[in-house]
Amino acid sequence: MVRPGQYFGNRTYFANENYVTSSAAIENTQIGFLPMTIVEDHVRRNNDLAFFFIRSLDNYLGQSDTRTVNLSQKHIRGRLAEALIVLLENYGYETNSTTLNIYLSREDLANLSNMTTSNAIRTLTTFATENLITVDGRKIIIINEEELRRISKYG
């Protein structure tokens, strides 16, 4: 997920690899494009910019490693709770301070959690039964953020 002001698509350029993933906007979005040859020219002339990209890529790699381990080793409850927390941390709450400020389809939420859509639906229903969340169509209302964070951390 890319938030406003963030960028993507640069790793494969710097690694001299083909870009093999795809991107999709799940809400109204404005994007900008900067040719990587221009970025590369500036990186070659500006050490601070080069270190910015090195730090950025290192942070991305660390987050990616953690996410890979979590998605492959956590129980489905932990994966879905983590996905909800990631959405909360990336998009925040609406003005009511309980509703996630993003509306995903069940399929998108399942993909984010590395599970089937039916498992995501069942786990959302379980979370709702346990009064951790309320689901209203694509709106997810967080009732017990602390418990979701605990489930996310410990599976």
N, C-alpha and C. Protein backbone atom coordinates (compact mmCIF):
# COMPACT_ATOMS: atom_id res chain seq x y z
N MET A 1 0.84 -1.18 0.00
CA MET A 1 0.00 0.00 0.00
C MET A 1 0.89 1.24 0.00
N VAL A 2 0.48 2.18 -0.78
CA VAL A 2 1.22 3.42 -0.91
C VAL A 2 0.32 4.55 -0.45
N ARG A 3 0.84 5.34 0.47
CA ARG A 3 0.08 6.48 1.00
C ARG A 3 0.44 7.73 0.21
N PRO A 4 -0.37 8.78 0.38
CA PRO A 4 -0.05 10.05 -0.29
C PRO A 4 1.37 10.51 0.05
N GLY A 5 2.08 10.94 -0.97
CA GLY A 5 3.44 11.43 -0.78
C GLY A 5 4.49 10.34 -0.87
N GLN A 6 4.08 9.09 -0.89
CA GLN A 6 5.04 8.00 -1.02
C GLN A 6 5.27 7.68 -2.50
N TYR A 7 6.26 6.87 -2.76
CA TYR A 7 6.61 6.52 -4.13
C TYR A 7 6.79 5.00 -4.20
N PHE A 8 6.74 4.47 -5.40
CA PHE A 8 6.94 3.04 -5.60
C PHE A 8 7.49 2.80 -6.99
N GLY A 9 8.00 1.61 -7.19
CA GLY A 9 8.48 1.22 -8.51
C GLY A 9 9.95 1.48 -8.74
N ASN A 10 10.65 1.97 -7.73
CA ASN A 10 12.05 2.31 -7.92
C ASN A 10 13.00 1.15 -7.63
N ARG A 11 12.59 0.18 -6.80
CA ARG A 11 13.50 -0.88 -6.39
C ARG A 11 13.99 -1.67 -7.59
N THR A 12 13.09 -2.05 -8.47
CA THR A 12 13.50 -2.88 -9.61
C THR A 12 14.42 -2.11 -10.56
N TYR A 13 14.20 -0.81 -10.65
CA TYR A 13 15.08 -0.02 -11.51
C TYR A 13 16.51 -0.04 -10.96
N PHE A 14 16.64 0.25 -9.65
CA PHE A 14 17.98 0.27 -9.06
C PHE A 14 18.61 -1.12 -9.04
N ALA A 15 17.79 -2.18 -8.99
CA ALA A 15 18.30 -3.55 -9.01
C ALA A 15 18.53 -4.06 -10.43
N ASN A 16 18.19 -3.24 -11.43
CA ASN A 16 18.34 -3.61 -12.84
C ASN A 16 17.54 -4.88 -13.15
N GLU A 17 16.30 -4.92 -12.62
CA GLU A 17 15.40 -6.05 -12.85
C GLU A 17 14.17 -5.57 -13.62
N ASN A 18 13.47 -6.51 -14.20
CA ASN A 18 12.20 -6.20 -14.83
C ASN A 18 11.15 -6.01 -13.74
N TYR A 19 10.25 -5.08 -13.97
CA TYR A 19 9.15 -4.84 -13.04
C TYR A 19 8.07 -5.87 -13.34
N VAL A 20 7.84 -6.80 -12.40
CA VAL A 20 6.93 -7.91 -12.67
C VAL A 20 5.66 -7.89 -11.82
N THR A 21 5.50 -6.88 -10.98
CA THR A 21 4.29 -6.79 -10.18
C THR A 21 3.36 -5.75 -10.78
N SER A 22 2.14 -5.76 -10.30
CA SER A 22 1.18 -4.79 -10.79
C SER A 22 0.67 -3.95 -9.63
N SER A 23 0.05 -2.86 -9.96
CA SER A 23 -0.52 -1.96 -8.96
C SER A 23 -1.95 -1.66 -9.35
N ALA A 24 -2.76 -1.38 -8.34
CA ALA A 24 -4.15 -1.01 -8.60
C ALA A 24 -4.58 0.00 -7.56
N ALA A 25 -5.28 1.01 -7.99
CA ALA A 25 -5.84 2.00 -7.07
C ALA A 25 -7.16 1.43 -6.55
N ILE A 26 -7.34 1.49 -5.23
CA ILE A 26 -8.58 0.98 -4.64
C ILE A 26 -9.47 2.12 -4.15
N GLU A 27 -9.03 3.33 -4.41
CA GLU A 27 -9.84 4.51 -4.13
C GLU A 27 -9.42 5.60 -5.10
N ASN A 28 -10.15 6.71 -5.15
CA ASN A 28 -9.76 7.80 -6.03
C ASN A 28 -8.33 8.21 -5.72
N THR A 29 -7.53 8.33 -6.75
CA THR A 29 -6.09 8.51 -6.56
C THR A 29 -5.54 9.49 -7.58
N GLN A 30 -4.56 10.27 -7.15
CA GLN A 30 -3.77 11.06 -8.06
C GLN A 30 -2.35 10.53 -7.99
N ILE A 31 -1.74 10.30 -9.15
CA ILE A 31 -0.38 9.82 -9.17
C ILE A 31 0.47 10.72 -10.05
N GLY A 32 1.75 10.68 -9.78
CA GLY A 32 2.70 11.40 -10.61
C GLY A 32 3.74 10.42 -11.11
N PHE A 33 4.39 10.76 -12.18
CA PHE A 33 5.39 9.91 -12.79
C PHE A 33 6.66 10.71 -12.98
N LEU A 34 7.77 10.14 -12.57
CA LEU A 34 9.08 10.76 -12.76
C LEU A 34 9.98 9.71 -13.40
N PRO A 35 10.49 9.98 -14.59
CA PRO A 35 11.36 8.99 -15.24
C PRO A 35 12.56 8.65 -14.36
N MET A 36 12.84 7.37 -14.23
CA MET A 36 13.92 6.93 -13.34
C MET A 36 15.29 7.39 -13.83
N THR A 37 15.42 7.68 -15.10
CA THR A 37 16.71 8.19 -15.59
C THR A 37 17.01 9.55 -14.94
N ILE A 38 15.98 10.35 -14.72
CA ILE A 38 16.16 11.64 -14.05
C ILE A 38 16.54 11.41 -12.59
N VAL A 39 15.84 10.47 -11.94
CA VAL A 39 16.17 10.15 -10.55
C VAL A 39 17.60 9.66 -10.46
N GLU A 40 17.99 8.76 -11.35
CA GLU A 40 19.35 8.21 -11.32
C GLU A 40 20.39 9.32 -11.50
N ASP A 41 20.16 10.25 -12.42
CA ASP A 41 21.10 11.35 -12.62
C ASP A 41 21.28 12.15 -11.32
N HIS A 42 20.18 12.42 -10.62
CA HIS A 42 20.26 13.18 -9.38
C HIS A 42 20.92 12.37 -8.27
N VAL A 43 20.65 11.07 -8.21
CA VAL A 43 21.27 10.22 -7.20
C VAL A 43 22.79 10.18 -7.40
N ARG A 44 23.21 10.10 -8.64
CA ARG A 44 24.65 10.04 -8.92
C ARG A 44 25.37 11.34 -8.52
N ARG A 45 24.65 12.45 -8.52
CA ARG A 45 25.27 13.75 -8.21
C ARG A 45 25.05 14.20 -6.78
N ASN A 46 24.18 13.52 -6.03
CA ASN A 46 23.80 14.00 -4.71
C ASN A 46 23.88 12.85 -3.70
N ASN A 47 24.95 12.86 -2.88
CA ASN A 47 25.14 11.80 -1.89
C ASN A 47 23.99 11.71 -0.90
N ASP A 48 23.45 12.86 -0.48
CA ASP A 48 22.33 12.83 0.46
C ASP A 48 21.13 12.13 -0.13
N LEU A 49 20.85 12.37 -1.41
CA LEU A 49 19.74 11.70 -2.07
C LEU A 49 20.03 10.20 -2.19
N ALA A 50 21.27 9.85 -2.49
CA ALA A 50 21.64 8.43 -2.59
C ALA A 50 21.42 7.73 -1.24
N PHE A 51 21.84 8.36 -0.15
CA PHE A 51 21.63 7.76 1.17
C PHE A 51 20.15 7.71 1.53
N PHE A 52 19.38 8.68 1.07
CA PHE A 52 17.93 8.65 1.28
C PHE A 52 17.36 7.37 0.67
N PHE A 53 17.73 7.08 -0.57
CA PHE A 53 17.22 5.88 -1.23
C PHE A 53 17.76 4.61 -0.58
N ILE A 54 19.01 4.61 -0.15
CA ILE A 54 19.56 3.43 0.53
C ILE A 54 18.78 3.16 1.81
N ARG A 55 18.56 4.19 2.62
CA ARG A 55 17.78 4.02 3.86
C ARG A 55 16.36 3.56 3.55
N SER A 56 15.76 4.17 2.55
CA SER A 56 14.40 3.83 2.17
C SER A 56 14.30 2.36 1.74
N LEU A 57 15.22 1.93 0.91
CA LEU A 57 15.21 0.54 0.45
C LEU A 57 15.49 -0.43 1.59
N ASP A 58 16.40 -0.06 2.51
CA ASP A 58 16.67 -0.90 3.67
C ASP A 58 15.44 -1.02 4.57
N ASN A 59 14.74 0.09 4.79
CA ASN A 59 13.52 0.03 5.59
C ASN A 59 12.47 -0.84 4.92
N TYR A 60 12.33 -0.68 3.62
CA TYR A 60 11.37 -1.48 2.86
C TYR A 60 11.71 -2.96 2.98
N LEU A 61 12.99 -3.30 2.85
CA LEU A 61 13.42 -4.70 2.94
C LEU A 61 13.12 -5.28 4.32
N GLY A 62 13.39 -4.51 5.38
CA GLY A 62 13.09 -4.98 6.73
C GLY A 62 11.60 -5.21 6.93
N GLN A 63 10.78 -4.28 6.46
CA GLN A 63 9.33 -4.44 6.58
C GLN A 63 8.84 -5.62 5.76
N SER A 64 9.42 -5.81 4.59
CA SER A 64 9.03 -6.91 3.73
C SER A 64 9.38 -8.25 4.37
N ASP A 65 10.56 -8.35 4.97
CA ASP A 65 10.96 -9.58 5.66
C ASP A 65 9.99 -9.90 6.79
N THR A 66 9.68 -8.90 7.61
CA THR A 66 8.76 -9.10 8.72
C THR A 66 7.38 -9.53 8.22
N ARG A 67 6.91 -8.86 7.19
CA ARG A 67 5.59 -9.18 6.64
C ARG A 67 5.55 -10.60 6.07
N THR A 68 6.62 -11.01 5.38
CA THR A 68 6.68 -12.36 4.81
C THR A 68 6.61 -13.41 5.91
N VAL A 69 7.37 -13.22 6.97
CA VAL A 69 7.34 -14.16 8.09
C VAL A 69 5.96 -14.19 8.71
N ASN A 70 5.38 -13.03 8.95
CA ASN A 70 4.06 -12.97 9.58
C ASN A 70 2.99 -13.64 8.72
N LEU A 71 3.01 -13.38 7.42
CA LEU A 71 1.98 -13.94 6.55
C LEU A 71 2.14 -15.44 6.33
N SER A 72 3.34 -15.95 6.52
CA SER A 72 3.54 -17.38 6.29
C SER A 72 3.47 -18.20 7.58
N GLN A 73 3.60 -17.57 8.74
CA GLN A 73 3.67 -18.33 9.98
C GLN A 73 2.53 -18.05 10.95
N LYS A 74 1.84 -16.95 10.79
CA LYS A 74 0.75 -16.65 11.71
C LYS A 74 -0.51 -17.42 11.35
N HIS A 75 -1.30 -17.70 12.37
CA HIS A 75 -2.63 -18.27 12.18
C HIS A 75 -3.48 -17.23 11.44
N ILE A 76 -4.57 -17.67 10.80
CA ILE A 76 -5.36 -16.73 10.01
C ILE A 76 -5.91 -15.58 10.85
N ARG A 77 -6.23 -15.82 12.11
CA ARG A 77 -6.71 -14.73 12.98
C ARG A 77 -5.64 -13.66 13.11
N GLY A 78 -4.41 -14.07 13.31
CA GLY A 78 -3.31 -13.13 13.44
C GLY A 78 -3.06 -12.36 12.16
N ARG A 79 -3.18 -13.05 11.03
CA ARG A 79 -2.96 -12.39 9.73
C ARG A 79 -4.04 -11.35 9.46
N LEU A 80 -5.29 -11.70 9.74
CA LEU A 80 -6.36 -10.73 9.49
C LEU A 80 -6.28 -9.56 10.47
N ALA A 81 -5.98 -9.85 11.73
CA ALA A 81 -5.82 -8.76 12.70
C ALA A 81 -4.68 -7.84 12.27
N GLU A 82 -3.59 -8.43 11.81
CA GLU A 82 -2.46 -7.61 11.34
C GLU A 82 -2.87 -6.76 10.15
N ALA A 83 -3.62 -7.32 9.23
CA ALA A 83 -4.07 -6.55 8.06
C ALA A 83 -4.92 -5.37 8.50
N LEU A 84 -5.80 -5.59 9.47
CA LEU A 84 -6.63 -4.48 9.96
C LEU A 84 -5.78 -3.41 10.62
N ILE A 85 -4.77 -3.82 11.38
CA ILE A 85 -3.87 -2.85 12.03
C ILE A 85 -3.05 -2.10 10.98
N VAL A 86 -2.58 -2.80 9.95
CA VAL A 86 -1.84 -2.13 8.87
C VAL A 86 -2.73 -1.10 8.18
N LEU A 87 -3.97 -1.47 7.93
CA LEU A 87 -4.90 -0.51 7.32
C LEU A 87 -5.11 0.69 8.24
N LEU A 88 -5.26 0.42 9.52
CA LEU A 88 -5.44 1.51 10.49
C LEU A 88 -4.22 2.43 10.49
N GLU A 89 -3.03 1.85 10.51
CA GLU A 89 -1.81 2.66 10.57
C GLU A 89 -1.56 3.41 9.27
N ASN A 90 -2.03 2.88 8.15
CA ASN A 90 -1.82 3.55 6.87
C ASN A 90 -2.90 4.56 6.54
N TYR A 91 -4.15 4.28 6.92
CA TYR A 91 -5.26 5.13 6.52
C TYR A 91 -5.96 5.82 7.68
N GLY A 92 -5.74 5.33 8.90
CA GLY A 92 -6.33 5.96 10.07
C GLY A 92 -7.83 5.74 10.16
N TYR A 93 -8.42 6.50 11.07
CA TYR A 93 -9.85 6.44 11.29
C TYR A 93 -10.54 7.61 10.59
N GLU A 94 -11.82 7.42 10.31
CA GLU A 94 -12.65 8.53 9.88
C GLU A 94 -12.82 9.47 11.07
N THR A 95 -13.55 10.55 10.88
CA THR A 95 -13.71 11.54 11.95
C THR A 95 -14.38 10.99 13.19
N ASN A 96 -15.09 9.86 13.08
CA ASN A 96 -15.74 9.29 14.26
C ASN A 96 -14.77 8.51 15.15
N SER A 97 -13.51 8.38 14.73
CA SER A 97 -12.44 7.73 15.50
C SER A 97 -12.66 6.25 15.74
N THR A 98 -13.50 5.60 14.96
CA THR A 98 -13.68 4.16 15.08
C THR A 98 -13.74 3.44 13.74
N THR A 99 -14.18 4.12 12.69
CA THR A 99 -14.33 3.49 11.38
C THR A 99 -13.04 3.65 10.58
N LEU A 100 -12.53 2.54 10.02
CA LEU A 100 -11.34 2.62 9.18
C LEU A 100 -11.62 3.55 8.01
N ASN A 101 -10.64 4.36 7.68
CA ASN A 101 -10.79 5.35 6.62
C ASN A 101 -10.43 4.76 5.25
N ILE A 102 -10.78 3.50 5.06
CA ILE A 102 -10.61 2.84 3.77
C ILE A 102 -11.65 1.73 3.70
N TYR A 103 -12.17 1.51 2.52
CA TYR A 103 -13.20 0.49 2.32
C TYR A 103 -12.70 -0.52 1.31
N LEU A 104 -12.36 -1.71 1.79
CA LEU A 104 -11.85 -2.77 0.92
C LEU A 104 -12.92 -3.84 0.70
N SER A 105 -12.86 -4.44 -0.47
CA SER A 105 -13.70 -5.61 -0.70
C SER A 105 -13.16 -6.76 0.15
N ARG A 106 -13.98 -7.76 0.36
CA ARG A 106 -13.54 -8.94 1.12
C ARG A 106 -12.37 -9.61 0.42
N GLU A 107 -12.41 -9.62 -0.92
CA GLU A 107 -11.32 -10.23 -1.68
C GLU A 107 -10.00 -9.47 -1.48
N ASP A 108 -10.06 -8.13 -1.50
CA ASP A 108 -8.85 -7.34 -1.28
C ASP A 108 -8.31 -7.55 0.13
N LEU A 109 -9.20 -7.60 1.11
CA LEU A 109 -8.79 -7.84 2.49
C LEU A 109 -8.18 -9.24 2.62
N ALA A 110 -8.75 -10.21 1.95
CA ALA A 110 -8.19 -11.57 1.97
C ALA A 110 -6.80 -11.59 1.35
N ASN A 111 -6.65 -10.91 0.21
CA ASN A 111 -5.33 -10.86 -0.44
C ASN A 111 -4.30 -10.19 0.44
N LEU A 112 -4.70 -9.15 1.12
CA LEU A 112 -3.79 -8.45 2.03
C LEU A 112 -3.38 -9.35 3.19
N SER A 113 -4.25 -10.27 3.56
CA SER A 113 -4.01 -11.17 4.69
C SER A 113 -3.46 -12.52 4.27
N ASN A 114 -3.26 -12.73 2.98
CA ASN A 114 -2.75 -13.99 2.45
C ASN A 114 -3.66 -15.17 2.83
N MET A 115 -4.94 -15.01 2.55
CA MET A 115 -5.90 -16.08 2.82
C MET A 115 -6.99 -16.07 1.76
N THR A 116 -7.81 -17.09 1.77
CA THR A 116 -8.92 -17.13 0.83
C THR A 116 -9.99 -16.14 1.26
N THR A 117 -10.81 -15.74 0.32
CA THR A 117 -11.90 -14.81 0.62
C THR A 117 -12.85 -15.42 1.65
N SER A 118 -13.16 -16.71 1.51
CA SER A 118 -14.08 -17.34 2.47
C SER A 118 -13.50 -17.36 3.88
N ASN A 119 -12.19 -17.59 4.01
CA ASN A 119 -11.56 -17.54 5.34
C ASN A 119 -11.58 -16.12 5.92
N ALA A 120 -11.38 -15.14 5.05
CA ALA A 120 -11.41 -13.75 5.52
C ALA A 120 -12.82 -13.40 6.02
N ILE A 121 -13.83 -13.82 5.28
CA ILE A 121 -15.21 -13.55 5.68
C ILE A 121 -15.52 -14.23 7.00
N ARG A 122 -15.15 -15.50 7.14
CA ARG A 122 -15.40 -16.22 8.40
C ARG A 122 -14.67 -15.57 9.58
N THR A 123 -13.44 -15.15 9.35
CA THR A 123 -12.66 -14.54 10.44
C THR A 123 -13.21 -13.17 10.79
N LEU A 124 -13.64 -12.39 9.81
CA LEU A 124 -14.30 -11.11 10.10
C LEU A 124 -15.55 -11.35 10.93
N THR A 125 -16.32 -12.37 10.57
CA THR A 125 -17.54 -12.69 11.32
C THR A 125 -17.19 -13.08 12.75
N THR A 126 -16.13 -13.86 12.93
CA THR A 126 -15.69 -14.24 14.28
C THR A 126 -15.27 -13.01 15.08
N PHE A 127 -14.50 -12.12 14.45
CA PHE A 127 -14.09 -10.89 15.14
C PHE A 127 -15.31 -10.06 15.54
N ALA A 128 -16.32 -10.03 14.67
CA ALA A 128 -17.54 -9.29 14.98
C ALA A 128 -18.29 -9.95 16.15
N THR A 129 -18.37 -11.28 16.14
CA THR A 129 -19.03 -12.01 17.22
C THR A 129 -18.31 -11.77 18.56
N GLU A 130 -16.99 -11.63 18.50
CA GLU A 130 -16.20 -11.39 19.70
C GLU A 130 -16.18 -9.90 20.10
N ASN A 131 -16.96 -9.09 19.40
CA ASN A 131 -17.04 -7.65 19.65
C ASN A 131 -15.70 -6.92 19.52
N LEU A 132 -14.90 -7.37 18.56
CA LEU A 132 -13.65 -6.68 18.25
C LEU A 132 -13.88 -5.64 17.17
N ILE A 133 -14.79 -5.95 16.26
CA ILE A 133 -15.11 -5.06 15.14
C ILE A 133 -16.61 -5.12 14.88
N THR A 134 -17.07 -4.19 14.09
CA THR A 134 -18.40 -4.24 13.48
C THR A 134 -18.20 -4.04 11.99
N VAL A 135 -18.94 -4.81 11.20
CA VAL A 135 -18.81 -4.72 9.76
C VAL A 135 -20.13 -4.23 9.18
N ASP A 136 -20.04 -3.19 8.36
CA ASP A 136 -21.23 -2.64 7.69
C ASP A 136 -20.88 -2.48 6.22
N GLY A 137 -21.16 -3.51 5.43
CA GLY A 137 -20.74 -3.50 4.04
C GLY A 137 -19.22 -3.52 3.98
N ARG A 138 -18.65 -2.53 3.32
CA ARG A 138 -17.18 -2.43 3.25
C ARG A 138 -16.60 -1.63 4.42
N LYS A 139 -17.45 -1.05 5.23
CA LYS A 139 -16.97 -0.29 6.38
C LYS A 139 -16.63 -1.24 7.52
N ILE A 140 -15.46 -1.02 8.11
CA ILE A 140 -15.06 -1.80 9.28
C ILE A 140 -14.87 -0.84 10.43
N ILE A 141 -15.60 -1.09 11.48
CA ILE A 141 -15.54 -0.26 12.69
C ILE A 141 -14.76 -1.04 13.74
N ILE A 142 -13.70 -0.44 14.23
CA ILE A 142 -12.86 -1.08 15.24
C ILE A 142 -13.46 -0.80 16.62
N ILE A 143 -13.81 -1.84 17.33
CA ILE A 143 -14.36 -1.70 18.68
C ILE A 143 -13.27 -1.90 19.73
N ASN A 144 -12.38 -2.87 19.51
CA ASN A 144 -11.35 -3.17 20.49
C ASN A 144 -9.99 -3.24 19.80
N GLU A 145 -9.40 -2.07 19.57
CA GLU A 145 -8.11 -1.98 18.88
C GLU A 145 -7.02 -2.71 19.67
N GLU A 146 -7.02 -2.57 20.97
CA GLU A 146 -5.99 -3.20 21.80
C GLU A 146 -5.98 -4.72 21.62
N GLU A 147 -7.15 -5.33 21.61
CA GLU A 147 -7.23 -6.78 21.44
C GLU A 147 -6.82 -7.19 20.02
N LEU A 148 -7.18 -6.39 19.02
CA LEU A 148 -6.74 -6.68 17.65
C LEU A 148 -5.21 -6.63 17.56
N ARG A 149 -4.61 -5.67 18.23
CA ARG A 149 -3.14 -5.57 18.24
C ARG A 149 -2.53 -6.79 18.93
N ARG A 150 -3.17 -7.27 19.99
CA ARG A 150 -2.67 -8.44 20.71
C ARG A 150 -2.76 -9.67 19.80
N ILE A 151 -3.88 -9.84 19.13
CA ILE A 151 -4.06 -10.98 18.22
C ILE A 151 -3.04 -10.88 17.07
N SER A 152 -2.84 -9.67 16.56
CA SER A 152 -1.88 -9.47 15.50
C SER A 152 -0.47 -9.86 15.95
N LYS A 153 -0.12 -9.51 17.15
CA LYS A 153 1.23 -9.78 17.66
C LYS A 153 1.45 -11.25 17.97
N TYR A 154 0.48 -11.88 18.60
CA TYR A 154 0.66 -13.26 19.07
C TYR A 154 -0.03 -14.30 18.24
N GLY A 155 -0.76 -13.87 17.21
CA GLY A 155 -1.42 -14.84 16.35
C GLY A 155 -2.74 -15.19 16.89
